[in-house]
Amino acid sequence: MDGGAQVSVDALAAEAGFAALPPEAGIVVQNADGEIIAASTVAQEILGLSSDQMLGRTSQDPRWAAVDEDGRFLEGAEAPAMVARRTRITVRDRIMGVHRPGSDAAGRHVWLHVDAVPLFRADDPDPWAVVAAFRPVSGETLHTLQLRESERLFRMIAEYSSDMVAWQLVDDTSFLWASPASRTVLGFEPDDLIGTYGIDLVHPDDGAELAETWQTTNGAVTRFLMRMRHADGEYRWIETTAHVLPGEEDRPQEMITAHRDVSDRVQAEQARDAAVRMFELTMSRATIGVGWRMLDGTLARVNPALCSILGRSAEQLVGHSLREFATDDGSVFEDAVAAVHAGARTHHESERQFLRPDGTVVWCLHTVVGLPDEFGVVSSSLVQLQDITQQKKAVAQLEEAALSDPLTGLSNRTVLEDRLTRALGRARLTNTLVGVLFIDLDNFKSVNDRYGHDIGDKVLCEIGIRLSDAVRDADTVVRLGGDEFVVVRERLHDLTQLDDLAEHIGHRLSTPFDVESHELSVSASIGRAAGSDLTAAQLLSRADEAMYRTKRDRRGGG
């Protein structure tokens, strides 16, 4: 406050009869509307407010949180200055408490002796201002007021708190007093608890741990979580806070305790912990790879199975994208995953190959499932990798078995029909011929009868090898079954090319076979057919007929 304002406060104080105030007294001047228009420096110090903070405030301002000497809330209209203004009578030595923001703890006040004097102007029956002088209460009166305040606060908290507040002895935990909340927390009437031992209500499994924890606290404020028996015989999870009170040597130590029923919270935490444990167990024991994928594609977490499938440690995978280890460029896959993240689809599943550090390739069924957050927006995704390498190999083997001869490994009749049909189509477009050689081994039954089927099978395998070596890579060599073979050659311009191939094959087959120290000679009858305007079945049939003619000619039959 500047000098001029201070002089004004002093002048008004003198006019109100406060000329000889003690130095610890403060002065506040309020106008007819109850607004503070001036305050002394001491008043600012007592109330903990600056002049700017005080000017314009009224007695009705709820921030004063004023109470009377009995601790009852003091309406603004009942404040000494407002009473003096309304009654036009001086108010003397009224005691009231005012809360000072930032200075007083919650529920605490600075206690003041207040005098309020109305000021009048000539010919005006109503006061134009009120001068209030106040000084802090001290001595025994202050001690009594503070004690009452503490008692009121404690009783208000204890009796109206949803927590059960109790007064107990430290040594045996016997109850000396319990608040009404004992009815809702433990189901007991307060009087039913008095004289009983709190430890007797504790679950046997929690008692030993409670005693050990209590001994290590040395009387400090301590929080316990334990099960206590309810009046209905069931146990509730109770969170208890204990504060040991300062005691006298000749009196037992006492403590104030607060008990809160946290059963719902504990059960929710137990359910959450159980879910977390189940999740962790599932992650660690899952036989398929599982990972948590962020929106940028990097992995935030992986399980052991994922590491095993990719042949990499968790440190080598976390923070990296699976795209780094895939054999494809990932563009098609990433487009599909983008649709999952956009919410257009719930998941995407595809087969992908991944390269391990040792150079081996693993086939995986790669699944990405969108994980929406609490707002329904997909913010991450669950990745699953299932190793299907063996399944892919099995399928390939089945496909190969379906298209190849199990003994020689040569193509079978199914492949022959398909390739011959395609070859004829290309021949018509290129104006060339497709040649077919139908090969039947002469009197091969005698080999089986003399040397056994095992030797015979090995001879058939050797024949397959010689046929494959005798033709071009583009040619097709087929075992129809038994001792019959077919060779298909494309892009022939005349039959002499097919004759040359038949002669070459016949020469290769005429060389004796050395099988398990047996030298075996095998001859073959070869039928020739060529064309482009026939079906595959027709061309093969002609070659078959030509083979039989050759066989008859060799026997001298025609």
Protein backbone atom coordinates (compact mmCIF):
# COMPACT_ATOMS: atom_id res chain seq x y z
CA MET A 1 0.00 0.00 0.00
CA ASP A 2 1.37 3.45 -0.85
CA GLY A 3 1.79 6.29 1.64
CA GLY A 4 -1.40 8.13 0.68
CA ALA A 5 -3.54 5.03 1.17
CA GLN A 6 -1.88 4.36 4.53
CA VAL A 7 -2.69 7.87 5.73
CA SER A 8 -6.31 7.30 4.67
CA VAL A 9 -6.49 4.06 6.70
CA ASP A 10 -4.98 5.78 9.74
CA ALA A 11 -7.38 8.72 9.43
CA LEU A 12 -10.43 6.47 9.15
CA ALA A 13 -9.16 4.32 12.06
CA ALA A 14 -8.86 7.46 14.19
CA GLU A 15 -12.37 8.53 13.15
CA ALA A 16 -13.63 5.11 14.28
CA GLY A 17 -11.90 5.49 17.64
CA PHE A 18 -8.98 3.16 16.93
CA ALA A 19 -6.28 5.74 17.59
CA ALA A 20 -4.38 3.66 20.14
CA LEU A 21 -4.30 0.20 18.59
CA PRO A 22 -1.51 -2.24 19.48
CA PRO A 23 1.10 -2.75 16.72
CA GLU A 24 -0.14 -6.29 15.97
CA ALA A 25 -3.62 -5.02 15.04
CA GLY A 26 -4.73 -4.68 11.43
CA ILE A 27 -7.27 -2.28 9.92
CA VAL A 28 -9.64 -2.97 7.02
CA VAL A 29 -12.12 -0.44 5.62
CA GLN A 30 -15.23 -1.61 3.75
CA ASN A 31 -17.68 0.58 1.85
CA ALA A 32 -21.47 0.48 2.05
CA ASP A 33 -21.52 -2.45 -0.39
CA GLY A 34 -19.19 -4.43 1.83
CA GLU A 35 -16.19 -4.14 -0.52
CA ILE A 36 -12.74 -3.62 0.99
CA ILE A 37 -11.48 -0.20 -0.08
CA ALA A 38 -8.38 0.01 2.11
CA ALA A 39 -6.24 -2.28 4.28
CA SER A 40 -3.27 -1.62 6.51
CA THR A 41 0.06 -3.36 6.06
CA VAL A 42 -0.45 -5.32 9.29
CA ALA A 43 -3.87 -6.49 8.03
CA GLN A 44 -2.23 -7.80 4.88
CA GLU A 45 0.36 -9.68 6.93
CA ILE A 46 -2.23 -11.19 9.26
CA LEU A 47 -4.48 -12.36 6.44
CA GLY A 48 -1.61 -13.40 4.16
CA LEU A 49 -2.95 -11.35 1.25
CA SER A 50 -1.54 -8.43 -0.69
CA SER A 51 -3.39 -5.14 -1.06
CA ASP A 52 -4.32 -6.02 -4.65
CA GLN A 53 -5.72 -9.36 -3.49
CA MET A 54 -7.83 -7.75 -0.77
CA LEU A 55 -9.21 -4.68 -2.51
CA GLY A 56 -12.71 -5.31 -3.85
CA ARG A 57 -13.32 -8.48 -1.82
CA THR A 58 -16.41 -8.59 0.33
CA SER A 59 -17.34 -10.42 3.51
CA GLN A 60 -19.57 -12.65 1.38
CA ASP A 61 -16.55 -13.97 -0.53
CA PRO A 62 -16.53 -17.78 0.15
CA ARG A 63 -12.74 -17.84 0.01
CA TRP A 64 -12.59 -16.53 3.58
CA ALA A 65 -14.10 -19.83 4.79
CA ALA A 66 -14.92 -17.93 8.01
CA VAL A 67 -16.20 -19.68 11.14
CA ASP A 68 -17.40 -18.44 14.52
CA GLU A 69 -15.70 -19.38 17.79
CA ASP A 70 -17.79 -22.56 17.99
CA GLY A 71 -16.52 -23.61 14.58
CA ARG A 72 -19.79 -23.02 12.74
CA PHE A 73 -19.65 -21.64 9.22
CA LEU A 74 -20.10 -17.88 9.32
CA GLU A 75 -22.33 -16.43 6.62
CA GLY A 76 -20.96 -13.27 5.04
CA ALA A 77 -23.90 -11.28 6.37
CA GLU A 78 -22.98 -12.35 9.92
CA ALA A 79 -19.40 -11.11 9.67
CA PRO A 80 -18.72 -8.33 12.26
CA ALA A 81 -18.37 -5.59 9.62
CA MET A 82 -21.62 -6.59 7.93
CA VAL A 83 -23.46 -6.76 11.28
CA ALA A 84 -22.17 -3.27 12.18
CA ARG A 85 -23.27 -1.89 8.78
CA ARG A 86 -26.72 -3.49 9.01
CA THR A 87 -27.45 -2.65 12.67
CA ARG A 88 -25.59 0.72 12.65
CA ILE A 89 -24.12 -0.43 15.98
CA THR A 90 -20.49 -1.02 16.85
CA VAL A 91 -19.50 -4.68 17.24
CA ARG A 92 -16.89 -5.34 19.96
CA ASP A 93 -14.49 -8.20 20.54
CA ARG A 94 -16.12 -10.74 18.25
CA ILE A 95 -13.96 -13.87 17.81
CA MET A 96 -13.90 -15.46 14.38
CA GLY A 97 -11.63 -17.68 12.34
CA VAL A 98 -10.48 -16.93 8.77
CA HIS A 99 -8.75 -19.38 6.47
CA ARG A 100 -5.62 -18.05 4.81
CA PRO A 101 -4.99 -19.71 1.43
CA GLY A 102 -1.44 -20.99 1.20
CA SER A 103 -0.80 -20.41 4.90
CA ASP A 104 -3.30 -22.54 6.78
CA ALA A 105 -3.74 -26.29 6.40
CA ALA A 106 -7.10 -27.51 5.18
CA GLY A 107 -9.72 -26.93 7.85
CA ARG A 108 -7.45 -24.62 9.87
CA HIS A 109 -7.93 -20.91 10.55
CA VAL A 110 -6.22 -17.86 11.94
CA TRP A 111 -8.25 -16.78 15.01
CA LEU A 112 -8.97 -13.06 15.39
CA HIS A 113 -10.46 -10.58 17.90
CA VAL A 114 -12.56 -8.26 15.72
CA ASP A 115 -14.06 -4.84 16.40
CA ALA A 116 -16.22 -3.19 13.72
CA VAL A 117 -17.30 0.47 13.82
CA PRO A 118 -19.75 2.01 11.30
CA LEU A 119 -18.92 5.51 9.97
CA PHE A 120 -21.67 8.04 9.17
CA ARG A 121 -21.92 11.26 7.23
CA ALA A 122 -24.15 14.18 8.15
CA ASP A 123 -27.82 13.79 7.37
CA ASP A 124 -27.36 10.12 6.30
CA PRO A 125 -28.65 7.50 8.72
CA ASP A 126 -26.88 4.68 6.90
CA PRO A 127 -23.16 4.15 7.34
CA TRP A 128 -21.06 4.92 4.29
CA ALA A 129 -18.22 2.70 5.53
CA VAL A 130 -17.21 0.27 8.28
CA VAL A 131 -13.77 0.20 9.88
CA ALA A 132 -12.78 -3.22 11.23
CA ALA A 133 -9.83 -3.63 13.58
CA PHE A 134 -8.56 -7.13 14.34
CA ARG A 135 -5.68 -8.78 16.15
CA PRO A 136 -4.68 -12.45 16.47
CA VAL A 137 -6.04 -14.40 19.42
CA SER A 138 -3.26 -15.60 21.73
CA GLY A 139 -2.63 -17.40 24.99
CA GLU A 140 -5.01 -19.87 26.59
CA THR A 141 -7.90 -18.68 24.44
CA LEU A 142 -5.99 -19.53 21.28
CA HIS A 143 -5.04 -22.95 22.68
CA THR A 144 -8.68 -23.67 23.52
CA LEU A 145 -9.86 -22.58 20.07
CA GLN A 146 -7.23 -24.71 18.31
CA LEU A 147 -8.06 -27.71 20.45
CA ARG A 148 -11.74 -27.35 19.67
CA GLU A 149 -10.89 -27.00 15.99
CA SER A 150 -8.81 -30.18 16.05
CA GLU A 151 -11.57 -32.04 17.85
CA ARG A 152 -14.16 -30.84 15.35
CA LEU A 153 -11.98 -31.81 12.41
CA PHE A 154 -11.28 -35.24 13.85
CA ARG A 155 -14.91 -35.88 14.70
CA MET A 156 -16.06 -34.64 11.32
CA ILE A 157 -13.56 -36.87 9.52
CA ALA A 158 -14.09 -39.85 11.81
CA GLU A 159 -17.87 -39.79 11.94
CA TYR A 160 -18.59 -38.90 8.34
CA SER A 161 -15.73 -40.64 6.58
CA SER A 162 -16.53 -43.76 4.58
CA ASP A 163 -13.39 -45.27 6.14
CA MET A 164 -13.65 -46.81 9.58
CA VAL A 165 -11.53 -44.72 11.96
CA ALA A 166 -10.52 -46.36 15.21
CA TRP A 167 -8.55 -45.64 18.39
CA GLN A 168 -6.57 -48.67 19.46
CA LEU A 169 -3.82 -49.79 21.80
CA VAL A 170 -0.56 -50.59 20.04
CA ASP A 171 0.44 -53.67 22.06
CA ASP A 172 -2.69 -55.81 21.80
CA THR A 173 -4.63 -53.86 19.08
CA SER A 174 -7.71 -53.63 21.34
CA PHE A 175 -10.31 -51.10 20.21
CA LEU A 176 -10.89 -48.11 22.47
CA TRP A 177 -13.24 -46.37 20.05
CA ALA A 178 -14.54 -46.94 16.52
CA SER A 179 -16.33 -44.65 14.10
CA PRO A 180 -19.82 -45.34 12.70
CA ALA A 181 -18.28 -46.50 9.41
CA SER A 182 -17.48 -49.79 11.20
CA ARG A 183 -21.01 -50.80 10.22
CA THR A 184 -20.27 -50.60 6.48
CA VAL A 185 -16.59 -51.65 6.54
CA LEU A 186 -16.75 -54.65 8.87
CA GLY A 187 -20.46 -54.98 9.62
CA PHE A 188 -20.02 -54.39 13.40
CA GLU A 189 -21.63 -51.76 15.58
CA PRO A 190 -18.95 -49.45 17.06
CA ASP A 191 -19.82 -50.58 20.61
CA ASP A 192 -19.40 -54.23 19.59
CA LEU A 193 -15.77 -53.58 18.67
CA ILE A 194 -14.75 -51.72 21.82
CA GLY A 195 -12.68 -53.99 24.04
CA THR A 196 -12.04 -56.57 21.31
CA TYR A 197 -8.70 -57.18 19.64
CA GLY A 198 -8.20 -56.05 16.08
CA ILE A 199 -5.67 -58.81 15.43
CA ASP A 200 -8.38 -61.41 16.09
CA LEU A 201 -10.22 -60.18 13.00
CA VAL A 202 -7.18 -60.63 10.75
CA HIS A 203 -7.06 -63.70 8.49
CA PRO A 204 -4.67 -66.32 9.94
CA ASP A 205 -2.60 -66.35 6.76
CA ASP A 206 -2.03 -62.59 7.04
CA GLY A 207 -1.40 -62.34 10.78
CA ALA A 208 2.27 -63.39 10.83
CA GLU A 209 3.23 -61.09 7.97
CA LEU A 210 1.33 -58.22 9.60
CA ALA A 211 3.17 -58.71 12.92
CA GLU A 212 6.56 -58.80 11.19
CA THR A 213 5.82 -55.68 9.15
CA TRP A 214 4.56 -53.81 12.22
CA GLN A 215 7.73 -54.58 14.16
CA THR A 216 9.92 -53.10 11.44
CA THR A 217 8.06 -49.79 11.27
CA ASN A 218 9.16 -48.48 14.68
CA GLY A 219 5.82 -46.77 15.16
CA ALA A 220 5.90 -44.80 11.91
CA VAL A 221 2.79 -44.20 9.84
CA THR A 222 2.22 -47.54 8.15
CA ARG A 223 -0.17 -48.89 5.55
CA PHE A 224 -1.20 -52.55 5.60
CA LEU A 225 -3.23 -54.63 3.18
CA MET A 226 -4.85 -57.64 4.85
CA ARG A 227 -8.00 -59.69 5.05
CA MET A 228 -10.27 -58.99 8.01
CA ARG A 229 -13.31 -60.92 9.12
CA HIS A 230 -16.65 -59.26 8.46
CA ALA A 231 -19.60 -59.71 10.80
CA ASP A 232 -21.12 -62.06 8.20
CA GLY A 233 -18.17 -64.44 8.65
CA GLU A 234 -16.63 -63.71 5.26
CA TYR A 235 -13.28 -61.99 4.86
CA ARG A 236 -12.86 -58.60 3.21
CA TRP A 237 -9.69 -57.05 1.87
CA ILE A 238 -9.00 -54.09 4.14
CA GLU A 239 -6.38 -51.39 3.65
CA THR A 240 -5.37 -50.05 7.06
CA THR A 241 -3.32 -46.98 7.88
CA ALA A 242 -1.92 -46.78 11.42
CA HIS A 243 -0.40 -43.76 13.14
CA VAL A 244 1.14 -44.19 16.58
CA LEU A 245 0.32 -41.32 18.92
CA PRO A 246 2.95 -39.69 21.15
CA GLY A 247 2.61 -41.35 24.56
CA GLU A 248 3.64 -40.94 28.14
CA GLU A 249 5.93 -43.36 29.90
CA ASP A 250 3.32 -44.56 32.38
CA ARG A 251 0.58 -45.07 29.79
CA PRO A 252 0.19 -47.71 27.05
CA GLN A 253 0.93 -46.54 23.53
CA GLU A 254 -2.11 -45.75 21.44
CA MET A 255 -2.68 -45.39 17.74
CA ILE A 256 -5.24 -43.99 15.35
CA THR A 257 -6.14 -46.38 12.55
CA ALA A 258 -8.19 -45.95 9.41
CA HIS A 259 -9.67 -49.01 7.69
CA ARG A 260 -10.94 -49.04 4.12
CA ASP A 261 -12.70 -51.89 2.33
CA VAL A 262 -10.73 -52.39 -0.90
CA SER A 263 -12.09 -55.82 -1.78
CA ASP A 264 -13.36 -54.69 -5.17
CA ARG A 265 -10.02 -53.09 -5.99
CA VAL A 266 -8.01 -56.11 -4.85
CA GLN A 267 -10.25 -58.51 -6.76
CA ALA A 268 -9.93 -56.35 -9.87
CA GLU A 269 -6.15 -56.28 -9.43
CA GLN A 270 -6.08 -60.04 -8.91
CA ALA A 271 -8.15 -60.54 -12.05
CA ARG A 272 -5.84 -58.19 -13.93
CA ASP A 273 -2.74 -59.96 -12.60
CA ALA A 274 -4.22 -63.33 -13.49
CA ALA A 275 -4.92 -62.08 -17.01
CA VAL A 276 -1.37 -60.76 -17.29
CA ARG A 277 0.04 -64.07 -16.03
CA MET A 278 -2.11 -65.99 -18.49
CA PHE A 279 -1.00 -63.68 -21.29
CA GLU A 280 2.66 -64.09 -20.34
CA LEU A 281 2.25 -67.85 -20.04
CA THR A 282 0.49 -68.00 -23.39
CA MET A 283 3.20 -65.90 -25.03
CA SER A 284 6.01 -68.00 -23.59
CA ARG A 285 4.42 -71.42 -24.21
CA ALA A 286 2.74 -70.76 -27.56
CA THR A 287 4.06 -73.00 -30.34
CA ILE A 288 3.31 -70.37 -32.97
CA GLY A 289 5.24 -67.13 -33.21
CA VAL A 290 3.47 -64.15 -31.66
CA GLY A 291 4.53 -60.51 -31.79
CA TRP A 292 3.18 -57.04 -31.09
CA ARG A 293 3.46 -54.87 -34.21
CA MET A 294 3.37 -51.08 -34.10
CA LEU A 295 1.86 -48.91 -36.83
CA ASP A 296 5.29 -48.29 -38.37
CA GLY A 297 5.72 -52.03 -38.83
CA THR A 298 8.33 -52.54 -36.12
CA LEU A 299 7.96 -55.23 -33.50
CA ALA A 300 7.58 -54.06 -29.90
CA ARG A 301 7.53 -57.54 -28.41
CA VAL A 302 8.08 -61.13 -29.55
CA ASN A 303 7.67 -64.55 -27.97
CA PRO A 304 10.23 -67.40 -27.93
CA ALA A 305 8.44 -69.29 -30.70
CA LEU A 306 8.77 -66.33 -33.08
CA CYS A 307 12.49 -66.14 -32.30
CA SER A 308 12.85 -69.87 -32.94
CA ILE A 309 10.96 -69.74 -36.24
CA LEU A 310 13.09 -66.89 -37.59
CA GLY A 311 16.33 -68.10 -36.01
CA ARG A 312 16.93 -64.76 -34.31
CA SER A 313 16.99 -63.49 -30.73
CA ALA A 314 14.41 -61.09 -29.30
CA GLU A 315 17.04 -58.33 -29.36
CA GLN A 316 17.50 -58.91 -33.10
CA LEU A 317 13.76 -58.69 -33.76
CA VAL A 318 12.40 -55.98 -31.44
CA GLY A 319 12.57 -52.60 -33.15
CA HIS A 320 12.74 -54.22 -36.59
CA SER A 321 10.10 -55.01 -39.19
CA LEU A 322 9.42 -58.55 -40.42
CA ARG A 323 9.74 -57.09 -43.90
CA GLU A 324 13.50 -56.98 -43.32
CA PHE A 325 13.59 -60.78 -43.11
CA ALA A 326 11.05 -61.67 -45.81
CA THR A 327 12.15 -62.90 -49.24
CA ASP A 328 9.51 -60.77 -51.00
CA ASP A 329 9.51 -56.97 -51.20
CA GLY A 330 6.43 -56.82 -48.94
CA SER A 331 4.50 -54.32 -51.06
CA VAL A 332 1.40 -56.48 -51.53
CA PHE A 333 1.47 -57.56 -47.89
CA GLU A 334 1.85 -54.00 -46.58
CA ASP A 335 -1.11 -52.82 -48.66
CA ALA A 336 -3.28 -55.51 -47.05
CA VAL A 337 -2.02 -54.64 -43.56
CA ALA A 338 -2.76 -50.96 -44.21
CA ALA A 339 -6.39 -51.95 -44.76
CA VAL A 340 -6.34 -53.70 -41.35
CA HIS A 341 -4.94 -50.60 -39.65
CA ALA A 342 -7.54 -48.45 -41.39
CA GLY A 343 -10.28 -50.68 -39.98
CA ALA A 344 -11.42 -51.82 -43.44
CA ARG A 345 -10.76 -55.43 -42.44
CA THR A 346 -10.18 -57.16 -39.10
CA HIS A 347 -7.19 -59.23 -40.17
CA HIS A 348 -4.99 -60.35 -43.05
CA GLU A 349 -3.52 -63.79 -43.65
CA SER A 350 -1.01 -64.87 -46.27
CA GLU A 351 1.86 -67.27 -46.85
CA ARG A 352 5.34 -65.72 -46.83
CA GLN A 353 8.91 -66.90 -46.90
CA PHE A 354 11.49 -65.63 -44.41
CA LEU A 355 15.25 -65.98 -44.57
CA ARG A 356 17.09 -67.21 -41.50
CA PRO A 357 20.65 -66.10 -40.66
CA ASP A 358 21.98 -69.55 -41.70
CA GLY A 359 20.59 -69.05 -45.20
CA THR A 360 17.68 -71.46 -44.87
CA VAL A 361 14.21 -70.38 -45.91
CA VAL A 362 11.16 -70.95 -43.73
CA TRP A 363 7.61 -70.87 -45.04
CA CYS A 364 5.16 -69.18 -42.65
CA LEU A 365 1.45 -68.56 -42.45
CA HIS A 366 1.62 -64.84 -41.60
CA THR A 367 -1.44 -63.38 -39.85
CA VAL A 368 -1.92 -59.77 -38.75
CA VAL A 369 -4.89 -58.88 -36.50
CA GLY A 370 -5.78 -55.25 -35.79
CA LEU A 371 -5.88 -54.24 -32.11
CA PRO A 372 -8.23 -51.28 -31.48
CA ASP A 373 -7.60 -48.92 -28.57
CA GLU A 374 -10.23 -47.63 -26.14
CA PHE A 375 -11.52 -45.30 -28.88
CA GLY A 376 -11.89 -48.12 -31.41
CA VAL A 377 -8.93 -46.94 -33.48
CA VAL A 378 -6.43 -49.61 -34.53
CA SER A 379 -3.19 -48.40 -32.95
CA SER A 380 -1.21 -51.65 -33.15
CA SER A 381 -1.60 -55.22 -34.32
CA LEU A 382 -1.00 -58.79 -33.26
CA VAL A 383 1.35 -60.75 -35.51
CA GLN A 384 1.25 -64.54 -35.74
CA LEU A 385 3.76 -66.69 -37.60
CA GLN A 386 3.09 -70.38 -38.04
CA ASP A 387 5.90 -72.47 -39.50
CA ILE A 388 4.37 -74.35 -42.46
CA THR A 389 7.64 -75.39 -44.09
CA GLN A 390 6.99 -79.09 -43.55
CA GLN A 391 3.43 -78.74 -44.82
CA LYS A 392 4.70 -76.99 -47.95
CA LYS A 393 7.26 -79.74 -48.48
CA ALA A 394 4.60 -82.39 -47.98
CA VAL A 395 2.31 -80.69 -50.49
CA ALA A 396 5.17 -80.42 -52.96
CA GLN A 397 5.96 -84.09 -52.46
CA LEU A 398 2.32 -85.01 -52.98
CA GLU A 399 2.19 -82.90 -56.11
CA GLU A 400 5.40 -84.46 -57.35
CA ALA A 401 4.10 -87.94 -56.53
CA ALA A 402 0.92 -87.20 -58.42
CA LEU A 403 2.92 -86.13 -61.49
CA SER A 404 5.89 -88.51 -61.38
CA ASP A 405 6.62 -92.22 -61.48
CA PRO A 406 7.48 -93.37 -57.96
CA LEU A 407 10.12 -95.85 -59.19
CA THR A 408 12.12 -93.90 -61.78
CA GLY A 409 11.19 -90.32 -60.86
CA LEU A 410 10.20 -89.70 -64.49
CA SER A 411 6.99 -87.85 -65.36
CA ASN A 412 3.81 -89.96 -65.45
CA ARG A 413 0.82 -90.25 -67.77
CA THR A 414 -0.88 -87.15 -66.28
CA VAL A 415 2.09 -84.98 -67.21
CA LEU A 416 2.32 -86.63 -70.63
CA GLU A 417 -1.25 -85.78 -71.56
CA ASP A 418 -0.88 -82.16 -70.43
CA ARG A 419 2.48 -81.53 -72.10
CA LEU A 420 1.53 -83.30 -75.30
CA THR A 421 -1.67 -81.26 -75.59
CA ARG A 422 0.24 -78.00 -75.04
CA ALA A 423 2.96 -79.06 -77.50
CA LEU A 424 0.41 -79.75 -80.23
CA GLY A 425 -1.12 -76.31 -79.68
CA ARG A 426 2.26 -74.65 -80.08
CA ALA A 427 3.02 -76.81 -83.16
CA ARG A 428 -0.07 -75.56 -84.95
CA LEU A 429 0.95 -71.96 -84.26
CA THR A 430 4.54 -72.48 -85.43
CA ASN A 431 3.74 -74.86 -88.31
CA THR A 432 5.99 -77.54 -86.88
CA LEU A 433 5.51 -81.15 -85.83
CA VAL A 434 5.41 -82.92 -82.49
CA GLY A 435 7.12 -86.28 -82.40
CA VAL A 436 6.30 -89.16 -80.06
CA LEU A 437 8.40 -92.26 -79.44
CA PHE A 438 6.59 -95.15 -77.76
CA ILE A 439 9.20 -97.48 -76.23
CA ASP A 440 8.41 -101.00 -75.03
CA LEU A 441 11.13 -103.25 -73.60
CA ASP A 442 11.30 -106.62 -75.32
CA ASN A 443 10.70 -109.69 -73.15
CA PHE A 444 11.48 -107.74 -69.96
CA LYS A 445 9.46 -110.29 -67.96
CA SER A 446 12.35 -112.74 -68.33
CA VAL A 447 14.62 -110.34 -66.46
CA ASN A 448 12.25 -110.26 -63.52
CA ASP A 449 11.75 -114.01 -63.60
CA ARG A 450 15.49 -114.78 -63.74
CA TYR A 451 16.98 -112.07 -61.49
CA GLY A 452 14.05 -110.96 -59.37
CA HIS A 453 11.94 -107.81 -59.26
CA ASP A 454 14.53 -105.84 -57.28
CA ILE A 455 17.06 -106.26 -60.12
CA GLY A 456 14.32 -105.56 -62.63
CA ASP A 457 13.36 -102.30 -60.87
CA LYS A 458 16.98 -101.17 -60.89
CA VAL A 459 17.20 -101.86 -64.61
CA LEU A 460 14.07 -99.76 -65.16
CA CYS A 461 15.66 -96.91 -63.17
CA GLU A 462 18.81 -97.15 -65.28
CA ILE A 463 16.73 -97.06 -68.44
CA GLY A 464 15.03 -93.90 -67.18
CA ILE A 465 18.45 -92.33 -66.60
CA ARG A 466 19.68 -93.29 -70.10
CA LEU A 467 16.54 -91.93 -71.72
CA SER A 468 16.87 -88.62 -69.87
CA ASP A 469 20.53 -88.35 -70.88
CA ALA A 470 19.70 -89.12 -74.51
CA VAL A 471 17.25 -86.25 -75.03
CA ARG A 472 17.25 -82.48 -74.78
CA ASP A 473 16.14 -80.56 -71.68
CA ALA A 474 13.06 -79.39 -73.55
CA ASP A 475 12.00 -82.98 -74.35
CA THR A 476 9.66 -84.96 -72.12
CA VAL A 477 10.48 -88.49 -70.90
CA VAL A 478 7.59 -90.45 -69.37
CA ARG A 479 7.19 -93.89 -67.85
CA LEU A 480 3.67 -95.05 -68.58
CA GLY A 481 3.99 -98.07 -66.33
CA GLY A 482 5.53 -101.53 -66.42
CA ASP A 483 8.17 -101.56 -69.17
CA GLU A 484 6.64 -98.80 -71.36
CA PHE A 485 8.21 -95.38 -71.86
CA VAL A 486 7.35 -92.36 -74.02
CA VAL A 487 9.54 -89.55 -75.34
CA VAL A 488 8.02 -86.32 -76.71
CA ARG A 489 10.01 -83.90 -78.87
CA GLU A 490 8.70 -80.59 -80.23
CA ARG A 491 9.56 -78.33 -83.18
CA LEU A 492 10.25 -81.08 -85.71
CA HIS A 493 10.31 -80.11 -89.37
CA ASP A 494 10.34 -83.65 -90.83
CA LEU A 495 10.18 -87.25 -89.71
CA THR A 496 13.88 -87.87 -90.25
CA GLN A 497 14.59 -85.87 -87.08
CA LEU A 498 12.36 -88.22 -85.14
CA ASP A 499 14.01 -91.25 -86.79
CA ASP A 500 17.43 -89.98 -85.75
CA LEU A 501 16.25 -89.63 -82.15
CA ALA A 502 14.79 -93.14 -82.14
CA GLU A 503 18.02 -94.58 -83.52
CA HIS A 504 20.06 -92.69 -80.91
CA ILE A 505 17.88 -93.98 -78.07
CA GLY A 506 17.95 -97.52 -79.41
CA HIS A 507 21.74 -97.39 -79.47
CA ARG A 508 21.88 -96.12 -75.88
CA LEU A 509 19.57 -98.86 -74.66
CA SER A 510 21.46 -101.60 -76.45
CA THR A 511 24.52 -101.12 -74.25
CA PRO A 512 24.45 -103.84 -71.52
CA PHE A 513 23.48 -102.82 -67.97
CA ASP A 514 25.73 -103.63 -65.00
CA VAL A 515 23.42 -104.19 -62.02
CA GLU A 516 24.76 -105.75 -58.83
CA SER A 517 27.50 -107.63 -60.71
CA HIS A 518 25.02 -108.82 -63.33
CA GLU A 519 25.51 -107.80 -66.94
CA LEU A 520 22.11 -107.53 -68.53
CA SER A 521 21.17 -106.77 -72.11
CA VAL A 522 17.80 -105.27 -72.90
CA SER A 523 16.29 -104.54 -76.31
CA ALA A 524 13.37 -102.24 -77.01
CA SER A 525 10.72 -101.82 -79.68
CA ILE A 526 10.22 -98.14 -80.57
CA GLY A 527 7.15 -96.81 -82.33
CA ARG A 528 7.23 -93.43 -84.06
CA ALA A 529 4.44 -90.93 -84.75
CA ALA A 530 4.44 -87.20 -85.54
CA GLY A 531 1.86 -84.57 -86.34
CA SER A 532 0.20 -81.33 -85.32
CA ASP A 533 -3.44 -81.67 -86.26
CA LEU A 534 -4.16 -84.59 -83.97
CA THR A 535 -5.21 -84.79 -80.36
CA ALA A 536 -2.77 -85.97 -77.72
CA ALA A 537 -4.60 -89.29 -77.41
CA GLN A 538 -4.58 -89.82 -81.19
CA LEU A 539 -0.90 -89.10 -81.56
CA LEU A 540 -0.01 -91.36 -78.65
CA SER A 541 -2.22 -94.11 -80.07
CA ARG A 542 -0.44 -93.92 -83.43
CA ALA A 543 2.94 -94.19 -81.76
CA ASP A 544 1.65 -97.19 -79.76
CA GLU A 545 0.45 -98.89 -82.96
CA ALA A 546 3.80 -98.20 -84.62
CA MET A 547 5.57 -99.81 -81.67
CA TYR A 548 3.50 -102.99 -82.00
CA ARG A 549 4.24 -103.14 -85.71
CA THR A 550 7.93 -102.90 -84.94
CA LYS A 551 7.64 -105.64 -82.32
CA ARG A 552 5.81 -107.92 -84.79
CA ASP A 553 8.39 -107.26 -87.47
CA ARG A 554 11.15 -108.29 -85.05
CA ARG A 555 9.32 -111.53 -84.36
CA GLY A 556 8.98 -112.16 -88.07
CA GLY A 557 5.28 -111.76 -88.03
CA GLY A 558 4.87 -109.37 -90.91
